[in-house]
Amino acid sequence: TFILEDFELSAEQLKKIKQIGVTL
């Protein structure tokens, strides 16, 4: 649902979270 609502914002936010090292 989150990805469908805003594709560009999803990519930006998930990239930041992934850089921390957590599992997505």
mmCIF file of all heavy atoms, coordinates in Angstrom:
data_MODEL
# 
_entry.id   MODEL 
# 
loop_
_atom_site.group_PDB 
_atom_site.id 
_atom_site.type_symbol 
_atom_site.label_atom_id 
_atom_site.label_alt_id 
_atom_site.label_comp_id 
_atom_site.label_asym_id 
_atom_site.label_entity_id 
_atom_site.label_seq_id 
_atom_site.pdbx_PDB_ins_code 
_atom_site.Cartn_x 
_atom_site.Cartn_y 
_atom_site.Cartn_z 
_atom_site.occupancy 
_atom_site.B_iso_or_equiv 
_atom_site.pdbx_formal_charge 
_atom_site.auth_seq_id 
_atom_site.auth_comp_id 
_atom_site.auth_asym_id 
_atom_site.auth_atom_id 
_atom_site.pdbx_PDB_model_num 
ATOM 1   N N   . THR A 1 1  ? 0.829  -1.209 0.000  1.00 0.00 ? 1  THR A N   1 
ATOM 2   C CA  . THR A 1 1  ? 0.000  0.000  0.000  1.00 0.00 ? 1  THR A CA  1 
ATOM 3   C C   . THR A 1 1  ? 0.857  1.249  0.000  1.00 0.00 ? 1  THR A C   1 
ATOM 4   O O   . THR A 1 1  ? 0.601  2.214  -0.736 1.00 0.00 ? 1  THR A O   1 
ATOM 5   C CB  . THR A 1 1  ? -0.915 0.002  1.237  1.00 0.00 ? 1  THR A CB  1 
ATOM 6   O OG1 . THR A 1 1  ? -1.690 -1.187 1.244  1.00 0.00 ? 1  THR A OG1 1 
ATOM 7   C CG2 . THR A 1 1  ? -1.831 1.208  1.223  1.00 0.00 ? 1  THR A CG2 1 
ATOM 8   N N   . PHE A 1 2  ? 1.890  1.257  0.835  1.00 0.00 ? 2  PHE A N   1 
ATOM 9   C CA  . PHE A 1 2  ? 2.771  2.426  0.918  1.00 0.00 ? 2  PHE A CA  1 
ATOM 10  C C   . PHE A 1 2  ? 3.441  2.710  -0.420 1.00 0.00 ? 2  PHE A C   1 
ATOM 11  O O   . PHE A 1 2  ? 3.532  3.851  -0.869 1.00 0.00 ? 2  PHE A O   1 
ATOM 12  C CB  . PHE A 1 2  ? 3.820  2.185  2.002  1.00 0.00 ? 2  PHE A CB  1 
ATOM 13  C CG  . PHE A 1 2  ? 4.929  3.209  2.019  1.00 0.00 ? 2  PHE A CG  1 
ATOM 14  C CD1 . PHE A 1 2  ? 4.652  4.546  2.212  1.00 0.00 ? 2  PHE A CD1 1 
ATOM 15  C CD2 . PHE A 1 2  ? 6.251  2.833  1.833  1.00 0.00 ? 2  PHE A CD2 1 
ATOM 16  C CE1 . PHE A 1 2  ? 5.662  5.494  2.229  1.00 0.00 ? 2  PHE A CE1 1 
ATOM 17  C CE2 . PHE A 1 2  ? 7.266  3.767  1.847  1.00 0.00 ? 2  PHE A CE2 1 
ATOM 18  C CZ  . PHE A 1 2  ? 6.973  5.096  2.042  1.00 0.00 ? 2  PHE A CZ  1 
ATOM 19  N N   . ILE A 1 3  ? 3.920  1.661  -1.079 1.00 0.00 ? 3  ILE A N   1 
ATOM 20  C CA  . ILE A 1 3  ? 4.616  1.841  -2.355 1.00 0.00 ? 3  ILE A CA  1 
ATOM 21  C C   . ILE A 1 3  ? 3.656  2.360  -3.419 1.00 0.00 ? 3  ILE A C   1 
ATOM 22  O O   . ILE A 1 3  ? 4.005  3.222  -4.237 1.00 0.00 ? 3  ILE A O   1 
ATOM 23  C CB  . ILE A 1 3  ? 5.265  0.516  -2.788 1.00 0.00 ? 3  ILE A CB  1 
ATOM 24  C CG1 . ILE A 1 3  ? 6.293  0.089  -1.734 1.00 0.00 ? 3  ILE A CG1 1 
ATOM 25  C CG2 . ILE A 1 3  ? 5.915  0.637  -4.155 1.00 0.00 ? 3  ILE A CG2 1 
ATOM 26  C CD1 . ILE A 1 3  ? 6.893  -1.267 -1.984 1.00 0.00 ? 3  ILE A CD1 1 
ATOM 27  N N   . LEU A 1 4  ? 2.435  1.839  -3.416 1.00 0.00 ? 4  LEU A N   1 
ATOM 28  C CA  . LEU A 1 4  ? 1.453  2.272  -4.413 1.00 0.00 ? 4  LEU A CA  1 
ATOM 29  C C   . LEU A 1 4  ? 1.103  3.744  -4.261 1.00 0.00 ? 4  LEU A C   1 
ATOM 30  O O   . LEU A 1 4  ? 0.859  4.442  -5.246 1.00 0.00 ? 4  LEU A O   1 
ATOM 31  C CB  . LEU A 1 4  ? 0.177  1.431  -4.289 1.00 0.00 ? 4  LEU A CB  1 
ATOM 32  C CG  . LEU A 1 4  ? 0.226  0.009  -4.882 1.00 0.00 ? 4  LEU A CG  1 
ATOM 33  C CD1 . LEU A 1 4  ? -1.013 -0.761 -4.459 1.00 0.00 ? 4  LEU A CD1 1 
ATOM 34  C CD2 . LEU A 1 4  ? 0.345  0.049  -6.386 1.00 0.00 ? 4  LEU A CD2 1 
ATOM 35  N N   . GLU A 1 5  ? 1.095  4.246  -3.011 1.00 0.00 ? 5  GLU A N   1 
ATOM 36  C CA  . GLU A 1 5  ? 0.665  5.627  -2.782 1.00 0.00 ? 5  GLU A CA  1 
ATOM 37  C C   . GLU A 1 5  ? 1.665  6.638  -3.310 1.00 0.00 ? 5  GLU A C   1 
ATOM 38  O O   . GLU A 1 5  ? 1.278  7.691  -3.811 1.00 0.00 ? 5  GLU A O   1 
ATOM 39  C CB  . GLU A 1 5  ? 0.437  5.847  -1.281 1.00 0.00 ? 5  GLU A CB  1 
ATOM 40  C CG  . GLU A 1 5  ? -0.813 5.147  -0.763 1.00 0.00 ? 5  GLU A CG  1 
ATOM 41  C CD  . GLU A 1 5  ? -0.995 5.345  0.727  1.00 0.00 ? 5  GLU A CD  1 
ATOM 42  O OE1 . GLU A 1 5  ? -0.077 5.903  1.361  1.00 0.00 ? 5  GLU A OE1 1 
ATOM 43  O OE2 . GLU A 1 5  ? -2.048 4.943  1.258  1.00 0.00 ? 5  GLU A OE2 1 
ATOM 44  N N   . ASP A 1 6  ? 2.944  6.358  -3.182 1.00 0.00 ? 6  ASP A N   1 
ATOM 45  C CA  . ASP A 1 6  ? 3.959  7.313  -3.648 1.00 0.00 ? 6  ASP A CA  1 
ATOM 46  C C   . ASP A 1 6  ? 5.240  6.552  -3.965 1.00 0.00 ? 6  ASP A C   1 
ATOM 47  O O   . ASP A 1 6  ? 6.033  6.221  -3.079 1.00 0.00 ? 6  ASP A O   1 
ATOM 48  C CB  . ASP A 1 6  ? 4.214  8.382  -2.591 1.00 0.00 ? 6  ASP A CB  1 
ATOM 49  C CG  . ASP A 1 6  ? 4.973  9.574  -3.150 1.00 0.00 ? 6  ASP A CG  1 
ATOM 50  O OD1 . ASP A 1 6  ? 5.906  9.355  -3.941 1.00 0.00 ? 6  ASP A OD1 1 
ATOM 51  O OD2 . ASP A 1 6  ? 4.630  10.716 -2.804 1.00 0.00 ? 6  ASP A OD2 1 
ATOM 52  N N   . PHE A 1 7  ? 5.442  6.268  -5.249 1.00 0.00 ? 7  PHE A N   1 
ATOM 53  C CA  . PHE A 1 7  ? 6.558  5.424  -5.676 1.00 0.00 ? 7  PHE A CA  1 
ATOM 54  C C   . PHE A 1 7  ? 7.898  6.086  -5.370 1.00 0.00 ? 7  PHE A C   1 
ATOM 55  O O   . PHE A 1 7  ? 8.820  5.450  -4.845 1.00 0.00 ? 7  PHE A O   1 
ATOM 56  C CB  . PHE A 1 7  ? 6.433  5.158  -7.183 1.00 0.00 ? 7  PHE A CB  1 
ATOM 57  C CG  . PHE A 1 7  ? 7.167  3.929  -7.638 1.00 0.00 ? 7  PHE A CG  1 
ATOM 58  C CD1 . PHE A 1 7  ? 6.580  2.684  -7.538 1.00 0.00 ? 7  PHE A CD1 1 
ATOM 59  C CD2 . PHE A 1 7  ? 8.452  4.022  -8.154 1.00 0.00 ? 7  PHE A CD2 1 
ATOM 60  C CE1 . PHE A 1 7  ? 7.260  1.549  -7.954 1.00 0.00 ? 7  PHE A CE1 1 
ATOM 61  C CE2 . PHE A 1 7  ? 9.126  2.897  -8.567 1.00 0.00 ? 7  PHE A CE2 1 
ATOM 62  C CZ  . PHE A 1 7  ? 8.527  1.653  -8.471 1.00 0.00 ? 7  PHE A CZ  1 
ATOM 63  N N   . GLU A 1 8  ? 8.040  7.383  -5.684 1.00 0.00 ? 8  GLU A N   1 
ATOM 64  C CA  . GLU A 1 8  ? 9.324  8.062  -5.504 1.00 0.00 ? 8  GLU A CA  1 
ATOM 65  C C   . GLU A 1 8  ? 9.671  8.206  -4.030 1.00 0.00 ? 8  GLU A C   1 
ATOM 66  O O   . GLU A 1 8  ? 10.814 7.973  -3.614 1.00 0.00 ? 8  GLU A O   1 
ATOM 67  C CB  . GLU A 1 8  ? 9.280  9.435  -6.176 1.00 0.00 ? 8  GLU A CB  1 
ATOM 68  C CG  . GLU A 1 8  ? 9.198  9.370  -7.692 1.00 0.00 ? 8  GLU A CG  1 
ATOM 69  C CD  . GLU A 1 8  ? 9.218  10.756 -8.323 1.00 0.00 ? 8  GLU A CD  1 
ATOM 70  O OE1 . GLU A 1 8  ? 9.324  11.745 -7.568 1.00 0.00 ? 8  GLU A OE1 1 
ATOM 71  O OE2 . GLU A 1 8  ? 9.111  10.842 -9.558 1.00 0.00 ? 8  GLU A OE2 1 
ATOM 72  N N   . LEU A 1 9  ? 8.690  8.598  -3.202 1.00 0.00 ? 9  LEU A N   1 
ATOM 73  C CA  . LEU A 1 9  ? 8.950  8.732  -1.774 1.00 0.00 ? 9  LEU A CA  1 
ATOM 74  C C   . LEU A 1 9  ? 9.288  7.379  -1.158 1.00 0.00 ? 9  LEU A C   1 
ATOM 75  O O   . LEU A 1 9  ? 10.152 7.284  -0.280 1.00 0.00 ? 9  LEU A O   1 
ATOM 76  C CB  . LEU A 1 9  ? 7.726  9.332  -1.075 1.00 0.00 ? 9  LEU A CB  1 
ATOM 77  C CG  . LEU A 1 9  ? 7.850  9.536  0.438  1.00 0.00 ? 9  LEU A CG  1 
ATOM 78  C CD1 . LEU A 1 9  ? 8.968  10.526 0.759  1.00 0.00 ? 9  LEU A CD1 1 
ATOM 79  C CD2 . LEU A 1 9  ? 6.532  10.022 1.027  1.00 0.00 ? 9  LEU A CD2 1 
ATOM 80  N N   . SER A 1 10 ? 8.622  6.307  -1.633 1.00 0.00 ? 10 SER A N   1 
ATOM 81  C CA  . SER A 1 10 ? 8.911  4.969  -1.129 1.00 0.00 ? 10 SER A CA  1 
ATOM 82  C C   . SER A 1 10 ? 10.365 4.614  -1.374 1.00 0.00 ? 10 SER A C   1 
ATOM 83  O O   . SER A 1 10 ? 11.063 4.113  -0.485 1.00 0.00 ? 10 SER A O   1 
ATOM 84  C CB  . SER A 1 10 ? 8.003  3.946  -1.816 1.00 0.00 ? 10 SER A CB  1 
ATOM 85  O OG  . SER A 1 10 ? 6.655  4.278  -1.649 1.00 0.00 ? 10 SER A OG  1 
ATOM 86  N N   . ALA A 1 11 ? 10.837 4.846  -2.607 1.00 0.00 ? 11 ALA A N   1 
ATOM 87  C CA  . ALA A 1 11 ? 12.220 4.512  -2.947 1.00 0.00 ? 11 ALA A CA  1 
ATOM 88  C C   . ALA A 1 11 ? 13.197 5.280  -2.069 1.00 0.00 ? 11 ALA A C   1 
ATOM 89  O O   . ALA A 1 11 ? 14.190 4.726  -1.566 1.00 0.00 ? 11 ALA A O   1 
ATOM 90  C CB  . ALA A 1 11 ? 12.473 4.811  -4.421 1.00 0.00 ? 11 ALA A CB  1 
ATOM 91  N N   . GLU A 1 12 ? 12.934 6.559  -1.861 1.00 0.00 ? 12 GLU A N   1 
ATOM 92  C CA  . GLU A 1 12 ? 13.834 7.393  -1.055 1.00 0.00 ? 12 GLU A CA  1 
ATOM 93  C C   . GLU A 1 12 ? 13.867 6.938  0.399  1.00 0.00 ? 12 GLU A C   1 
ATOM 94  O O   . GLU A 1 12 ? 14.950 6.785  0.998  1.00 0.00 ? 12 GLU A O   1 
ATOM 95  C CB  . GLU A 1 12 ? 13.368 8.845  -1.132 1.00 0.00 ? 12 GLU A CB  1 
ATOM 96  C CG  . GLU A 1 12 ? 14.206 9.806  -0.308 1.00 0.00 ? 12 GLU A CG  1 
ATOM 97  C CD  . GLU A 1 12 ? 13.644 11.225 -0.309 1.00 0.00 ? 12 GLU A CD  1 
ATOM 98  O OE1 . GLU A 1 12 ? 12.732 11.494 -1.123 1.00 0.00 ? 12 GLU A OE1 1 
ATOM 99  O OE2 . GLU A 1 12 ? 14.114 12.046 0.501  1.00 0.00 ? 12 GLU A OE2 1 
ATOM 100 N N   . GLN A 1 13 ? 12.691 6.689  0.994  1.00 0.00 ? 13 GLN A N   1 
ATOM 101 C CA  . GLN A 1 13 ? 12.630 6.312  2.403  1.00 0.00 ? 13 GLN A CA  1 
ATOM 102 C C   . GLN A 1 13 ? 13.219 4.922  2.638  1.00 0.00 ? 13 GLN A C   1 
ATOM 103 O O   . GLN A 1 13 ? 13.971 4.710  3.593  1.00 0.00 ? 13 GLN A O   1 
ATOM 104 C CB  . GLN A 1 13 ? 11.183 6.352  2.892  1.00 0.00 ? 13 GLN A CB  1 
ATOM 105 C CG  . GLN A 1 13 ? 10.578 7.742  2.957  1.00 0.00 ? 13 GLN A CG  1 
ATOM 106 C CD  . GLN A 1 13 ? 11.189 8.584  4.066  1.00 0.00 ? 13 GLN A CD  1 
ATOM 107 O OE1 . GLN A 1 13 ? 12.272 9.137  3.896  1.00 0.00 ? 13 GLN A OE1 1 
ATOM 108 N NE2 . GLN A 1 13 ? 10.514 8.660  5.186  1.00 0.00 ? 13 GLN A NE2 1 
ATOM 109 N N   . LEU A 1 14 ? 12.891 3.952  1.770  1.00 0.00 ? 14 LEU A N   1 
ATOM 110 C CA  . LEU A 1 14 ? 13.404 2.593  1.956  1.00 0.00 ? 14 LEU A CA  1 
ATOM 111 C C   . LEU A 1 14 ? 14.913 2.531  1.755  1.00 0.00 ? 14 LEU A C   1 
ATOM 112 O O   . LEU A 1 14 ? 15.604 1.748  2.401  1.00 0.00 ? 14 LEU A O   1 
ATOM 113 C CB  . LEU A 1 14 ? 12.696 1.641  0.992  1.00 0.00 ? 14 LEU A CB  1 
ATOM 114 C CG  . LEU A 1 14 ? 11.203 1.419  1.283  1.00 0.00 ? 14 LEU A CG  1 
ATOM 115 C CD1 . LEU A 1 14 ? 10.585 0.516  0.238  1.00 0.00 ? 14 LEU A CD1 1 
ATOM 116 C CD2 . LEU A 1 14 ? 11.001 0.832  2.666  1.00 0.00 ? 14 LEU A CD2 1 
ATOM 117 N N   . LYS A 1 15 ? 15.421 3.364  0.874  1.00 0.00 ? 15 LYS A N   1 
ATOM 118 C CA  . LYS A 1 15 ? 16.872 3.415  0.676  1.00 0.00 ? 15 LYS A CA  1 
ATOM 119 C C   . LYS A 1 15 ? 17.566 3.907  1.945  1.00 0.00 ? 15 LYS A C   1 
ATOM 120 O O   . LYS A 1 15 ? 18.599 3.362  2.356  1.00 0.00 ? 15 LYS A O   1 
ATOM 121 C CB  . LYS A 1 15 ? 17.201 4.334  -0.502 1.00 0.00 ? 15 LYS A CB  1 
ATOM 122 C CG  . LYS A 1 15 ? 18.692 4.422  -0.822 1.00 0.00 ? 15 LYS A CG  1 
ATOM 123 C CD  . LYS A 1 15 ? 18.949 5.337  -2.004 1.00 0.00 ? 15 LYS A CD  1 
ATOM 124 C CE  . LYS A 1 15 ? 20.440 5.456  -2.296 1.00 0.00 ? 15 LYS A CE  1 
ATOM 125 N NZ  . LYS A 1 15 ? 20.701 6.378  -3.438 1.00 0.00 ? 15 LYS A NZ  1 
ATOM 126 N N   . LYS A 1 16 ? 17.009 4.938  2.589  1.00 0.00 ? 16 LYS A N   1 
ATOM 127 C CA  . LYS A 1 16 ? 17.590 5.446  3.835  1.00 0.00 ? 16 LYS A CA  1 
ATOM 128 C C   . LYS A 1 16 ? 17.562 4.377  4.927  1.00 0.00 ? 16 LYS A C   1 
ATOM 129 O O   . LYS A 1 16 ? 18.536 4.201  5.665  1.00 0.00 ? 16 LYS A O   1 
ATOM 130 C CB  . LYS A 1 16 ? 16.816 6.680  4.307  1.00 0.00 ? 16 LYS A CB  1 
ATOM 131 C CG  . LYS A 1 16 ? 17.024 7.922  3.461  1.00 0.00 ? 16 LYS A CG  1 
ATOM 132 C CD  . LYS A 1 16 ? 16.221 9.083  4.048  1.00 0.00 ? 16 LYS A CD  1 
ATOM 133 C CE  . LYS A 1 16 ? 16.385 10.349 3.216  1.00 0.00 ? 16 LYS A CE  1 
ATOM 134 N NZ  . LYS A 1 16 ? 15.580 11.475 3.776  1.00 0.00 ? 16 LYS A NZ  1 
ATOM 135 N N   . ILE A 1 17 ? 16.428 3.660  5.042  1.00 0.00 ? 17 ILE A N   1 
ATOM 136 C CA  . ILE A 1 17 ? 16.311 2.628  6.074  1.00 0.00 ? 17 ILE A CA  1 
ATOM 137 C C   . ILE A 1 17 ? 17.282 1.492  5.799  1.00 0.00 ? 17 ILE A C   1 
ATOM 138 O O   . ILE A 1 17 ? 17.928 0.959  6.717  1.00 0.00 ? 17 ILE A O   1 
ATOM 139 C CB  . ILE A 1 17 ? 14.862 2.120  6.153  1.00 0.00 ? 17 ILE A CB  1 
ATOM 140 C CG1 . ILE A 1 17 ? 13.927 3.255  6.616  1.00 0.00 ? 17 ILE A CG1 1 
ATOM 141 C CG2 . ILE A 1 17 ? 14.743 0.930  7.088  1.00 0.00 ? 17 ILE A CG2 1 
ATOM 142 C CD1 . ILE A 1 17 ? 12.461 2.903  6.593  1.00 0.00 ? 17 ILE A CD1 1 
ATOM 143 N N   . LYS A 1 18 ? 17.402 1.106  4.518  1.00 0.00 ? 18 LYS A N   1 
ATOM 144 C CA  . LYS A 1 18 ? 18.295 0.007  4.160  1.00 0.00 ? 18 LYS A CA  1 
ATOM 145 C C   . LYS A 1 18 ? 19.745 0.348  4.461  1.00 0.00 ? 18 LYS A C   1 
ATOM 146 O O   . LYS A 1 18 ? 20.545 -0.526 4.849  1.00 0.00 ? 18 LYS A O   1 
ATOM 147 C CB  . LYS A 1 18 ? 18.121 -0.329 2.670  1.00 0.00 ? 18 LYS A CB  1 
ATOM 148 C CG  . LYS A 1 18 ? 19.005 -1.490 2.200  1.00 0.00 ? 18 LYS A CG  1 
ATOM 149 C CD  . LYS A 1 18 ? 18.686 -2.756 2.989  1.00 0.00 ? 18 LYS A CD  1 
ATOM 150 C CE  . LYS A 1 18 ? 19.606 -3.889 2.595  1.00 0.00 ? 18 LYS A CE  1 
ATOM 151 N NZ  . LYS A 1 18 ? 19.416 -5.077 3.462  1.00 0.00 ? 18 LYS A NZ  1 
ATOM 152 N N   . GLN A 1 19 ? 20.128 1.620  4.308  1.00 0.00 ? 19 GLN A N   1 
ATOM 153 C CA  . GLN A 1 19 ? 21.509 2.026  4.577  1.00 0.00 ? 19 GLN A CA  1 
ATOM 154 C C   . GLN A 1 19 ? 21.896 1.826  6.037  1.00 0.00 ? 19 GLN A C   1 
ATOM 155 O O   . GLN A 1 19 ? 23.076 1.736  6.364  1.00 0.00 ? 19 GLN A O   1 
ATOM 156 C CB  . GLN A 1 19 ? 21.693 3.492  4.183  1.00 0.00 ? 19 GLN A CB  1 
ATOM 157 C CG  . GLN A 1 19 ? 21.719 3.725  2.680  1.00 0.00 ? 19 GLN A CG  1 
ATOM 158 C CD  . GLN A 1 19 ? 21.736 5.199  2.309  1.00 0.00 ? 19 GLN A CD  1 
ATOM 159 O OE1 . GLN A 1 19 ? 21.520 6.061  3.163  1.00 0.00 ? 19 GLN A OE1 1 
ATOM 160 N NE2 . GLN A 1 19 ? 21.988 5.490  1.043  1.00 0.00 ? 19 GLN A NE2 1 
ATOM 161 N N   . ILE A 1 20 ? 20.906 1.747  6.937  1.00 0.00 ? 20 ILE A N   1 
ATOM 162 C CA  . ILE A 1 20 ? 21.195 1.504  8.345  1.00 0.00 ? 20 ILE A CA  1 
ATOM 163 C C   . ILE A 1 20 ? 21.705 0.083  8.554  1.00 0.00 ? 20 ILE A C   1 
ATOM 164 O O   . ILE A 1 20 ? 22.484 -0.182 9.468  1.00 0.00 ? 20 ILE A O   1 
ATOM 165 C CB  . ILE A 1 20 ? 19.930 1.747  9.198  1.00 0.00 ? 20 ILE A CB  1 
ATOM 166 C CG1 . ILE A 1 20 ? 19.438 3.190  9.017  1.00 0.00 ? 20 ILE A CG1 1 
ATOM 167 C CG2 . ILE A 1 20 ? 20.182 1.469  10.668 1.00 0.00 ? 20 ILE A CG2 1 
ATOM 168 C CD1 . ILE A 1 20 ? 18.105 3.443  9.675  1.00 0.00 ? 20 ILE A CD1 1 
ATOM 169 N N   . GLY A 1 21 ? 21.258 -0.842 7.678  1.00 0.00 ? 21 GLY A N   1 
ATOM 170 C CA  . GLY A 1 21 ? 21.674 -2.236 7.794  1.00 0.00 ? 21 GLY A CA  1 
ATOM 171 C C   . GLY A 1 21 ? 20.590 -3.172 8.256  1.00 0.00 ? 21 GLY A C   1 
ATOM 172 O O   . GLY A 1 21 ? 20.828 -4.369 8.429  1.00 0.00 ? 21 GLY A O   1 
ATOM 173 N N   . VAL A 1 22 ? 19.360 -2.638 8.486  1.00 0.00 ? 22 VAL A N   1 
ATOM 174 C CA  . VAL A 1 22 ? 18.269 -3.511 8.938  1.00 0.00 ? 22 VAL A CA  1 
ATOM 175 C C   . VAL A 1 22 ? 17.763 -4.348 7.768  1.00 0.00 ? 22 VAL A C   1 
ATOM 176 O O   . VAL A 1 22 ? 18.047 -4.076 6.597  1.00 0.00 ? 22 VAL A O   1 
ATOM 177 C CB  . VAL A 1 22 ? 17.115 -2.679 9.525  1.00 0.00 ? 22 VAL A CB  1 
ATOM 178 C CG1 . VAL A 1 22 ? 17.591 -1.854 10.695 1.00 0.00 ? 22 VAL A CG1 1 
ATOM 179 C CG2 . VAL A 1 22 ? 16.504 -1.781 8.465  1.00 0.00 ? 22 VAL A CG2 1 
ATOM 180 N N   . THR A 1 23 ? 17.007 -5.396 8.114  1.00 0.00 ? 23 THR A N   1 
ATOM 181 C CA  . THR A 1 23 ? 16.413 -6.258 7.096  1.00 0.00 ? 23 THR A CA  1 
ATOM 182 C C   . THR A 1 23 ? 15.094 -5.643 6.641  1.00 0.00 ? 23 THR A C   1 
ATOM 183 O O   . THR A 1 23 ? 14.269 -5.248 7.463  1.00 0.00 ? 23 THR A O   1 
ATOM 184 C CB  . THR A 1 23 ? 16.163 -7.660 7.667  1.00 0.00 ? 23 THR A CB  1 
ATOM 185 O OG1 . THR A 1 23 ? 17.404 -8.206 8.115  1.00 0.00 ? 23 THR A OG1 1 
ATOM 186 C CG2 . THR A 1 23 ? 15.564 -8.575 6.616  1.00 0.00 ? 23 THR A CG2 1 
ATOM 187 N N   . LEU A 1 24 ? 14.903 -5.573 5.323  1.00 0.00 ? 24 LEU A N   1 
ATOM 188 C CA  . LEU A 1 24 ? 13.664 -5.045 4.754  1.00 0.00 ? 24 LEU A CA  1 
ATOM 189 C C   . LEU A 1 24 ? 12.832 -6.183 4.187  1.00 0.00 ? 24 LEU A C   1 
ATOM 190 O O   . LEU A 1 24 ? 13.330 -6.990 3.387  1.00 0.00 ? 24 LEU A O   1 
ATOM 191 C CB  . LEU A 1 24 ? 13.951 -4.021 3.654  1.00 0.00 ? 24 LEU A CB  1 
ATOM 192 C CG  . LEU A 1 24 ? 14.285 -2.592 4.079  1.00 0.00 ? 24 LEU A CG  1 
ATOM 193 C CD1 . LEU A 1 24 ? 14.519 -1.726 2.859  1.00 0.00 ? 24 LEU A CD1 1 
ATOM 194 C CD2 . LEU A 1 24 ? 13.174 -2.000 4.928  1.00 0.00 ? 24 LEU A CD2 1 
# 
